[in-house]
Amino acid sequence: MLKAFNDKEYNLDNIYDLIMSSESWKDGDAISVTVIRDGKELVLKGKINLPKEEKSGFMATDKTKEAIKNAWLKG
C-alpha cells in the first residue's frame, strides 16, 4: 500500500494533490515513497525517471511556425 511521497501522506481524500504535485516532477529529482508491505512500513528512495518516447513528426520551434502549424491543422 502506498502511504506517502516525499514525506507527505496521501489518501483518497487528498489524492488529487499528489497528482498535481507529480506534474512538477522533473527527470533526476530525488523522491522517497513510503509503502506498507506485509504490515511493515518501508521507505524507498530513488530518482524520478520520466517515460520517454521518440516520435517522428512536425515540431514547431518558434512562434511563426507554431501559428502556421495551428492554421494548417485547424484547416
Protein backbone atom coordinates (compact mmCIF):
# COMPACT_ATOMS: atom_id res chain seq x y z
CA MET A 1 0.00 0.00 0.00
CA LEU A 2 1.29 3.47 -0.87
CA LYS A 3 1.34 5.75 2.14
CA ALA A 4 3.46 8.85 1.44
CA PHE A 5 5.52 10.57 -1.24
CA ASN A 6 8.37 12.83 -0.15
CA ASP A 7 7.20 12.57 3.48
CA LYS A 8 3.66 13.79 2.69
CA GLU A 9 0.92 11.26 3.40
CA TYR A 10 -1.83 10.72 0.84
CA ASN A 11 -5.20 9.00 0.95
CA LEU A 12 -8.41 9.05 -1.10
CA ASP A 13 -9.32 12.47 0.30
CA ASN A 14 -6.17 14.22 -0.96
CA ILE A 15 -5.01 12.01 -3.86
CA TYR A 16 -5.65 14.88 -6.29
CA ASP A 17 -2.90 16.83 -4.50
CA LEU A 18 -0.45 14.03 -5.34
CA ILE A 19 -1.46 14.12 -9.00
CA MET A 20 -1.00 17.89 -9.13
CA SER A 21 2.39 17.81 -7.39
CA SER A 22 3.62 14.98 -9.63
CA GLU A 23 3.19 17.24 -12.68
CA SER A 24 6.10 19.36 -11.43
CA TRP A 25 8.48 16.40 -11.02
CA LYS A 26 11.48 16.52 -13.34
CA ASP A 27 13.91 13.86 -14.55
CA GLY A 28 16.52 13.22 -11.89
CA ASP A 29 14.58 14.73 -8.97
CA ALA A 30 15.02 12.81 -5.72
CA ILE A 31 11.91 11.03 -4.40
CA SER A 32 11.04 8.95 -1.38
CA VAL A 33 8.00 6.69 -1.25
CA THR A 34 6.70 5.21 1.98
CA VAL A 35 4.90 1.90 1.48
CA ILE A 36 3.38 -0.69 3.75
CA ARG A 37 4.31 -4.28 2.87
CA ASP A 38 3.35 -7.26 5.00
CA GLY A 39 2.36 -4.89 7.80
CA LYS A 40 5.77 -3.18 7.83
CA GLU A 41 6.48 0.38 6.78
CA LEU A 42 9.33 0.79 4.28
CA VAL A 43 10.83 3.94 2.81
CA LEU A 44 12.01 3.57 -0.78
CA LYS A 45 14.33 6.23 -2.20
CA GLY A 46 15.31 6.92 -5.77
CA LYS A 47 15.25 9.43 -8.59
CA ILE A 48 12.44 10.36 -10.96
CA ASN A 49 12.78 8.73 -14.37
CA LEU A 50 10.11 10.13 -16.68
CA PRO A 51 8.94 7.99 -19.61
CA LYS A 52 10.50 8.87 -22.93
CA GLU A 53 9.29 8.03 -26.41
CA GLU A 54 10.77 9.05 -29.72
CA LYS A 55 8.27 10.13 -32.36
CA SER A 56 8.71 11.43 -35.84
CA GLY A 57 6.60 14.35 -36.94
CA PHE A 58 6.27 18.09 -37.12
CA MET A 59 7.58 20.17 -34.24
CA ALA A 60 7.31 23.96 -34.11
CA THR A 61 10.48 25.74 -33.00
CA ASP A 62 9.28 29.35 -32.95
CA LYS A 63 6.02 31.34 -32.80
CA THR A 64 5.75 31.77 -36.58
CA LYS A 65 5.99 28.06 -37.21
CA GLU A 66 3.56 27.44 -34.34
CA ALA A 67 0.96 29.72 -35.96
CA ILE A 68 1.44 28.03 -39.35
CA LYS A 69 1.12 24.58 -37.79
CA ASN A 70 -2.09 25.54 -35.95
CA ALA A 71 -3.61 27.11 -39.08
CA TRP A 72 -2.75 24.01 -41.10
CA LEU A 73 -4.10 21.57 -38.52
CA LYS A 74 -7.34 23.51 -37.97
CA GLY A 75 -7.97 23.96 -41.72
